[in-house]
Amino acid sequence: MHPNPRNRSTASVPSLRHVLVLLLLTLIGVWLFTTPYPPVKEYRLYFLEDRTDASLDWGDLSHEWSEDRVREHFFGANVRCLSDQNRGAGVTRVCVVDLRTLNGVPTMTVNFLFSETGLQRVATNIPWWSHRRGLDALVSTYGEPHAASSPEVAGEKRILGWELPGRAAVFYNRDVDLSPLLTSSTQWTGPRSCGNLPCLR
């Protein structure tokens, strides 16, 4: 009995599909491990590097913090301080701290932004799957948010805010981003960044 050519051709179709799927997955894997695209690169380094855990009391921050203070506070972590003119008005230097967790929350980096007058802002990069943990950590420390941006503002992230001593404030994005490449962020803003107005209003 001879095999049916029709059966042979249909049997080869799944094999071809499997090969194409495997090839696609391989190409995606190669891209993930080689691309310089910043969000993908940060996730890759986060998973592959041996990083440390750290803690930071947002209420202890002030404009008096220096690059040396950042290095001292995060001793043992990888801290890179460099010139940076692209982070906003007045920002001249940035220190990037690579971490595994901050205050028990998975955190890839903490960025300290300096102007000529001192520390202006601090921002973390929290993996999207830890969005809720980041929010819970702030609520457990400072209670329910003191303010929230209007949900009717189109095209803008909804922000939650807590007032800190000395007219500073800490903020957190209320919603997790739809893209897994984007991150959540806890952000501290010093009073000098807000002019004569309170940072939380």
C-alpha atoms as a PDB file:
ATOM      1  CA  MET A   1       0.000   0.000   0.000  1.00  0.00           C
ATOM      2  CA  HIS A   2       1.482   3.349  -1.064  1.00  0.00           C
ATOM      3  CA  PRO A   3       1.335   6.467   1.168  1.00  0.00           C
ATOM      4  CA  ASN A   4      -1.115   9.129   0.108  1.00  0.00           C
ATOM      5  CA  PRO A   5       0.813  12.192  -1.198  1.00  0.00           C
ATOM      6  CA  ARG A   6      -1.893  14.424   0.237  1.00  0.00           C
ATOM      7  CA  ASN A   7      -1.273  13.050   3.742  1.00  0.00           C
ATOM      8  CA  ARG A   8       2.445  13.571   3.343  1.00  0.00           C
ATOM      9  CA  SER A   9       2.054  17.236   2.377  1.00  0.00           C
ATOM     10  CA  THR A  10      -0.326  18.013   5.226  1.00  0.00           C
ATOM     11  CA  ALA A  11       1.957  16.288   7.712  1.00  0.00           C
ATOM     12  CA  SER A  12       4.870  18.510   6.650  1.00  0.00           C
ATOM     13  CA  VAL A  13       2.918  21.733   7.275  1.00  0.00           C
ATOM     14  CA  PRO A  14       3.090  21.534  11.111  1.00  0.00           C
ATOM     15  CA  SER A  15       6.811  20.807  10.863  1.00  0.00           C
ATOM     16  CA  LEU A  16       7.338  23.947   8.816  1.00  0.00           C
ATOM     17  CA  ARG A  17       5.284  25.960  11.298  1.00  0.00           C
ATOM     18  CA  HIS A  18       7.325  24.615  14.191  1.00  0.00           C
ATOM     19  CA  VAL A  19      10.548  25.556  12.418  1.00  0.00           C
ATOM     20  CA  LEU A  20       9.280  29.077  11.727  1.00  0.00           C
ATOM     21  CA  VAL A  21       8.102  29.540  15.326  1.00  0.00           C
ATOM     22  CA  LEU A  22      11.434  28.251  16.646  1.00  0.00           C
ATOM     23  CA  LEU A  23      13.305  30.580  14.288  1.00  0.00           C
ATOM     24  CA  LEU A  24      11.179  33.528  15.411  1.00  0.00           C
ATOM     25  CA  LEU A  25      11.758  32.736  19.092  1.00  0.00           C
ATOM     26  CA  THR A  26      15.490  32.423  18.449  1.00  0.00           C
ATOM     27  CA  LEU A  27      15.602  35.801  16.707  1.00  0.00           C
ATOM     28  CA  ILE A  28      13.667  37.409  19.568  1.00  0.00           C
ATOM     29  CA  GLY A  29      16.051  35.823  22.086  1.00  0.00           C
ATOM     30  CA  VAL A  30      19.111  37.080  20.196  1.00  0.00           C
ATOM     31  CA  TRP A  31      17.578  40.550  20.010  1.00  0.00           C
ATOM     32  CA  LEU A  32      16.798  40.591  23.733  1.00  0.00           C
ATOM     33  CA  PHE A  33      20.391  39.666  24.605  1.00  0.00           C
ATOM     34  CA  THR A  34      22.086  42.030  22.146  1.00  0.00           C
ATOM     35  CA  THR A  35      19.890  45.093  21.635  1.00  0.00           C
ATOM     36  CA  PRO A  36      21.096  48.405  23.093  1.00  0.00           C
ATOM     37  CA  TYR A  37      17.453  49.576  23.352  1.00  0.00           C
ATOM     38  CA  PRO A  38      17.504  51.085  26.877  1.00  0.00           C
ATOM     39  CA  PRO A  39      14.369  49.485  28.437  1.00  0.00           C
ATOM     40  CA  VAL A  40      15.295  45.997  27.217  1.00  0.00           C
ATOM     41  CA  LYS A  41      18.928  46.504  28.206  1.00  0.00           C
ATOM     42  CA  GLU A  42      17.923  47.534  31.737  1.00  0.00           C
ATOM     43  CA  TYR A  43      15.775  44.434  32.215  1.00  0.00           C
ATOM     44  CA  ARG A  44      18.550  42.238  30.824  1.00  0.00           C
ATOM     45  CA  LEU A  45      21.145  43.685  33.199  1.00  0.00           C
ATOM     46  CA  TYR A  46      18.708  43.435  36.102  1.00  0.00           C
ATOM     47  CA  PHE A  47      18.338  39.692  35.585  1.00  0.00           C
ATOM     48  CA  LEU A  48      21.980  38.919  34.766  1.00  0.00           C
ATOM     49  CA  GLU A  49      23.955  41.095  37.188  1.00  0.00           C
ATOM     50  CA  ASP A  50      24.613  40.324  40.848  1.00  0.00           C
ATOM     51  CA  ARG A  51      23.057  43.341  42.547  1.00  0.00           C
ATOM     52  CA  THR A  52      22.501  44.411  46.138  1.00  0.00           C
ATOM     53  CA  ASP A  53      19.454  45.279  48.236  1.00  0.00           C
ATOM     54  CA  ALA A  54      19.198  48.743  49.785  1.00  0.00           C
ATOM     55  CA  SER A  55      16.903  50.973  51.798  1.00  0.00           C
ATOM     56  CA  LEU A  56      16.171  54.678  51.600  1.00  0.00           C
ATOM     57  CA  ASP A  57      14.029  56.881  53.818  1.00  0.00           C
ATOM     58  CA  TRP A  58      12.454  59.383  51.425  1.00  0.00           C
ATOM     59  CA  GLY A  59      12.023  61.795  54.317  1.00  0.00           C
ATOM     60  CA  ASP A  60      15.804  61.931  54.859  1.00  0.00           C
ATOM     61  CA  LEU A  61      16.494  63.352  51.396  1.00  0.00           C
ATOM     62  CA  SER A  62      17.258  67.041  50.937  1.00  0.00           C
ATOM     63  CA  HIS A  63      18.971  69.383  48.500  1.00  0.00           C
ATOM     64  CA  GLU A  64      22.106  68.996  50.641  1.00  0.00           C
ATOM     65  CA  TRP A  65      22.701  65.442  49.416  1.00  0.00           C
ATOM     66  CA  SER A  66      25.833  65.224  47.268  1.00  0.00           C
ATOM     67  CA  GLU A  67      27.316  62.627  44.929  1.00  0.00           C
ATOM     68  CA  ASP A  68      29.605  61.511  47.742  1.00  0.00           C
ATOM     69  CA  ARG A  69      26.597  61.113  50.025  1.00  0.00           C
ATOM     70  CA  VAL A  70      24.907  58.887  47.415  1.00  0.00           C
ATOM     71  CA  ARG A  71      28.037  56.719  47.089  1.00  0.00           C
ATOM     72  CA  GLU A  72      28.313  56.472  50.869  1.00  0.00           C
ATOM     73  CA  HIS A  73      24.646  55.593  51.377  1.00  0.00           C
ATOM     74  CA  PHE A  74      24.688  52.911  48.683  1.00  0.00           C
ATOM     75  CA  PHE A  75      28.107  51.520  49.546  1.00  0.00           C
ATOM     76  CA  GLY A  76      28.560  48.140  47.869  1.00  0.00           C
ATOM     77  CA  ALA A  77      26.202  48.938  44.988  1.00  0.00           C
ATOM     78  CA  ASN A  78      27.237  50.014  41.512  1.00  0.00           C
ATOM     79  CA  VAL A  79      26.973  53.841  41.512  1.00  0.00           C
ATOM     80  CA  ARG A  80      27.712  55.826  38.345  1.00  0.00           C
ATOM     81  CA  CYS A  81      27.801  59.639  38.489  1.00  0.00           C
ATOM     82  CA  LEU A  82      28.081  61.555  35.238  1.00  0.00           C
ATOM     83  CA  SER A  83      27.262  64.765  33.446  1.00  0.00           C
ATOM     84  CA  ASP A  84      23.691  64.900  32.145  1.00  0.00           C
ATOM     85  CA  GLN A  85      22.006  67.901  30.551  1.00  0.00           C
ATOM     86  CA  ASN A  86      18.936  66.044  29.269  1.00  0.00           C
ATOM     87  CA  ARG A  87      16.952  65.282  32.437  1.00  0.00           C
ATOM     88  CA  GLY A  88      15.114  68.585  32.762  1.00  0.00           C
ATOM     89  CA  ALA A  89      15.656  72.246  33.476  1.00  0.00           C
ATOM     90  CA  GLY A  90      18.701  72.931  35.586  1.00  0.00           C
ATOM     91  CA  VAL A  91      19.868  69.303  35.867  1.00  0.00           C
ATOM     92  CA  THR A  92      23.616  69.050  35.308  1.00  0.00           C
ATOM     93  CA  ARG A  93      24.633  65.762  36.939  1.00  0.00           C
ATOM     94  CA  VAL A  94      23.009  62.387  37.610  1.00  0.00           C
ATOM     95  CA  CYS A  95      24.014  59.458  39.791  1.00  0.00           C
ATOM     96  CA  VAL A  96      22.556  56.092  38.753  1.00  0.00           C
ATOM     97  CA  VAL A  97      22.471  53.332  41.382  1.00  0.00           C
ATOM     98  CA  ASP A  98      21.963  49.737  40.188  1.00  0.00           C
ATOM     99  CA  LEU A  99      20.005  47.661  42.707  1.00  0.00           C
ATOM    100  CA  ARG A 100      18.021  44.456  43.166  1.00  0.00           C
ATOM    101  CA  THR A 101      15.523  45.919  45.650  1.00  0.00           C
ATOM    102  CA  LEU A 102      14.891  49.230  47.392  1.00  0.00           C
ATOM    103  CA  ASN A 103      12.903  49.135  50.629  1.00  0.00           C
ATOM    104  CA  GLY A 104      11.952  45.551  49.827  1.00  0.00           C
ATOM    105  CA  VAL A 105      10.538  46.451  46.386  1.00  0.00           C
ATOM    106  CA  PRO A 106      12.234  45.074  43.225  1.00  0.00           C
ATOM    107  CA  THR A 107      13.994  48.126  41.791  1.00  0.00           C
ATOM    108  CA  MET A 108      16.347  48.238  38.815  1.00  0.00           C
ATOM    109  CA  THR A 109      17.831  51.704  39.280  1.00  0.00           C
ATOM    110  CA  VAL A 110      17.611  54.801  41.459  1.00  0.00           C
ATOM    111  CA  ASN A 111      18.486  58.066  39.698  1.00  0.00           C
ATOM    112  CA  PHE A 112      19.661  61.099  41.692  1.00  0.00           C
ATOM    113  CA  LEU A 113      19.380  64.305  39.668  1.00  0.00           C
ATOM    114  CA  PHE A 114      21.509  67.279  40.683  1.00  0.00           C
ATOM    115  CA  SER A 115      21.565  70.934  39.686  1.00  0.00           C
ATOM    116  CA  GLU A 116      24.137  73.545  40.600  1.00  0.00           C
ATOM    117  CA  THR A 117      22.285  74.098  43.894  1.00  0.00           C
ATOM    118  CA  GLY A 118      22.092  70.453  44.966  1.00  0.00           C
ATOM    119  CA  LEU A 119      19.777  67.474  44.733  1.00  0.00           C
ATOM    120  CA  GLN A 120      16.578  68.273  42.840  1.00  0.00           C
ATOM    121  CA  ARG A 121      14.845  64.973  42.175  1.00  0.00           C
ATOM    122  CA  VAL A 122      15.158  61.212  42.733  1.00  0.00           C
ATOM    123  CA  ALA A 123      13.429  58.631  40.524  1.00  0.00           C
ATOM    124  CA  THR A 124      13.358  54.837  40.654  1.00  0.00           C
ATOM    125  CA  ASN A 125      12.704  52.256  37.942  1.00  0.00           C
ATOM    126  CA  ILE A 126      10.440  49.506  39.288  1.00  0.00           C
ATOM    127  CA  PRO A 127       9.649  46.486  37.062  1.00  0.00           C
ATOM    128  CA  TRP A 128       6.027  46.477  35.883  1.00  0.00           C
ATOM    129  CA  TRP A 129       5.212  43.270  37.787  1.00  0.00           C
ATOM    130  CA  SER A 130       6.126  44.986  41.082  1.00  0.00           C
ATOM    131  CA  HIS A 131       3.913  48.040  40.569  1.00  0.00           C
ATOM    132  CA  ARG A 132       1.562  47.078  43.410  1.00  0.00           C
ATOM    133  CA  ARG A 133       4.441  46.332  45.796  1.00  0.00           C
ATOM    134  CA  GLY A 134       5.849  49.796  45.169  1.00  0.00           C
ATOM    135  CA  LEU A 135       2.516  51.412  45.980  1.00  0.00           C
ATOM    136  CA  ASP A 136       1.964  49.250  49.061  1.00  0.00           C
ATOM    137  CA  ALA A 137       5.403  50.209  50.409  1.00  0.00           C
ATOM    138  CA  LEU A 138       4.530  53.913  50.249  1.00  0.00           C
ATOM    139  CA  VAL A 139       1.085  53.431  51.766  1.00  0.00           C
ATOM    140  CA  SER A 140       2.502  51.356  54.627  1.00  0.00           C
ATOM    141  CA  THR A 141       5.010  54.140  55.398  1.00  0.00           C
ATOM    142  CA  TYR A 142       3.018  57.334  54.773  1.00  0.00           C
ATOM    143  CA  GLY A 143      -0.616  56.202  54.827  1.00  0.00           C
ATOM    144  CA  GLU A 144      -3.127  56.843  52.080  1.00  0.00           C
ATOM    145  CA  PRO A 145      -2.036  59.371  49.405  1.00  0.00           C
ATOM    146  CA  HIS A 146      -2.474  63.009  50.351  1.00  0.00           C
ATOM    147  CA  ALA A 147      -3.343  63.969  46.763  1.00  0.00           C
ATOM    148  CA  ALA A 148      -4.080  62.432  43.364  1.00  0.00           C
ATOM    149  CA  SER A 149      -4.120  63.895  39.867  1.00  0.00           C
ATOM    150  CA  SER A 150      -7.414  64.109  38.041  1.00  0.00           C
ATOM    151  CA  PRO A 151      -8.365  60.930  36.165  1.00  0.00           C
ATOM    152  CA  GLU A 152      -9.915  63.089  33.427  1.00  0.00           C
ATOM    153  CA  VAL A 153      -6.549  64.399  32.187  1.00  0.00           C
ATOM    154  CA  ALA A 154      -6.125  62.677  28.816  1.00  0.00           C
ATOM    155  CA  GLY A 155      -2.721  61.395  27.771  1.00  0.00           C
ATOM    156  CA  GLU A 156      -1.133  61.920  31.186  1.00  0.00           C
ATOM    157  CA  LYS A 157      -0.281  59.414  33.880  1.00  0.00           C
ATOM    158  CA  ARG A 158      -2.409  59.547  36.995  1.00  0.00           C
ATOM    159  CA  ILE A 159      -0.121  60.393  39.906  1.00  0.00           C
ATOM    160  CA  LEU A 160      -0.471  59.822  43.642  1.00  0.00           C
ATOM    161  CA  GLY A 161       1.401  62.082  46.054  1.00  0.00           C
ATOM    162  CA  TRP A 162       2.487  62.269  49.687  1.00  0.00           C
ATOM    163  CA  GLU A 163       3.720  65.416  51.416  1.00  0.00           C
ATOM    164  CA  LEU A 164       6.989  65.112  53.322  1.00  0.00           C
ATOM    165  CA  PRO A 165       8.531  67.343  55.990  1.00  0.00           C
ATOM    166  CA  GLY A 166      10.268  70.441  54.661  1.00  0.00           C
ATOM    167  CA  ARG A 167       7.860  70.960  51.711  1.00  0.00           C
ATOM    168  CA  ALA A 168       9.271  68.026  49.730  1.00  0.00           C
ATOM    169  CA  ALA A 169       7.000  65.349  48.249  1.00  0.00           C
ATOM    170  CA  VAL A 170       7.085  61.797  46.968  1.00  0.00           C
ATOM    171  CA  PHE A 171       5.006  60.626  43.999  1.00  0.00           C
ATOM    172  CA  TYR A 172       4.006  57.319  42.407  1.00  0.00           C
ATOM    173  CA  ASN A 173       2.201  56.452  39.188  1.00  0.00           C
ATOM    174  CA  ARG A 174      -1.279  55.241  40.083  1.00  0.00           C
ATOM    175  CA  ASP A 175      -1.655  52.792  37.171  1.00  0.00           C
ATOM    176  CA  VAL A 176       0.657  50.130  35.795  1.00  0.00           C
ATOM    177  CA  ASP A 177       1.730  50.711  32.192  1.00  0.00           C
ATOM    178  CA  LEU A 178       0.309  48.477  29.496  1.00  0.00           C
ATOM    179  CA  SER A 179       3.757  47.948  27.975  1.00  0.00           C
ATOM    180  CA  PRO A 180       5.916  45.471  29.937  1.00  0.00           C
ATOM    181  CA  LEU A 181       9.000  47.388  28.764  1.00  0.00           C
ATOM    182  CA  LEU A 182       7.982  50.456  30.765  1.00  0.00           C
ATOM    183  CA  THR A 183       8.487  50.771  34.497  1.00  0.00           C
ATOM    184  CA  SER A 184       6.735  52.233  37.504  1.00  0.00           C
ATOM    185  CA  SER A 185       8.511  54.916  39.484  1.00  0.00           C
ATOM    186  CA  THR A 186       8.695  56.356  42.976  1.00  0.00           C
ATOM    187  CA  GLN A 187       9.848  59.963  42.648  1.00  0.00           C
ATOM    188  CA  TRP A 188      11.055  62.418  45.270  1.00  0.00           C
ATOM    189  CA  THR A 189      10.919  66.129  44.503  1.00  0.00           C
ATOM    190  CA  GLY A 190      12.820  68.616  46.599  1.00  0.00           C
ATOM    191  CA  PRO A 191      11.256  71.946  47.605  1.00  0.00           C
ATOM    192  CA  ARG A 192      13.755  73.930  45.547  1.00  0.00           C
ATOM    193  CA  SER A 193      12.395  72.241  42.423  1.00  0.00           C
ATOM    194  CA  CYS A 194       8.933  73.686  43.112  1.00  0.00           C
ATOM    195  CA  GLY A 195       9.883  77.333  43.497  1.00  0.00           C
ATOM    196  CA  ASN A 196       7.884  79.185  46.128  1.00  0.00           C
ATOM    197  CA  LEU A 197       4.946  76.780  45.906  1.00  0.00           C
ATOM    198  CA  PRO A 198       4.568  73.502  47.808  1.00  0.00           C
ATOM    199  CA  CYS A 199       5.457  70.455  45.698  1.00  0.00           C
ATOM    200  CA  LEU A 200       2.101  68.899  46.573  1.00  0.00           C
ATOM    201  CA  ARG A 201      -0.873  71.154  45.821  1.00  0.00           C
END
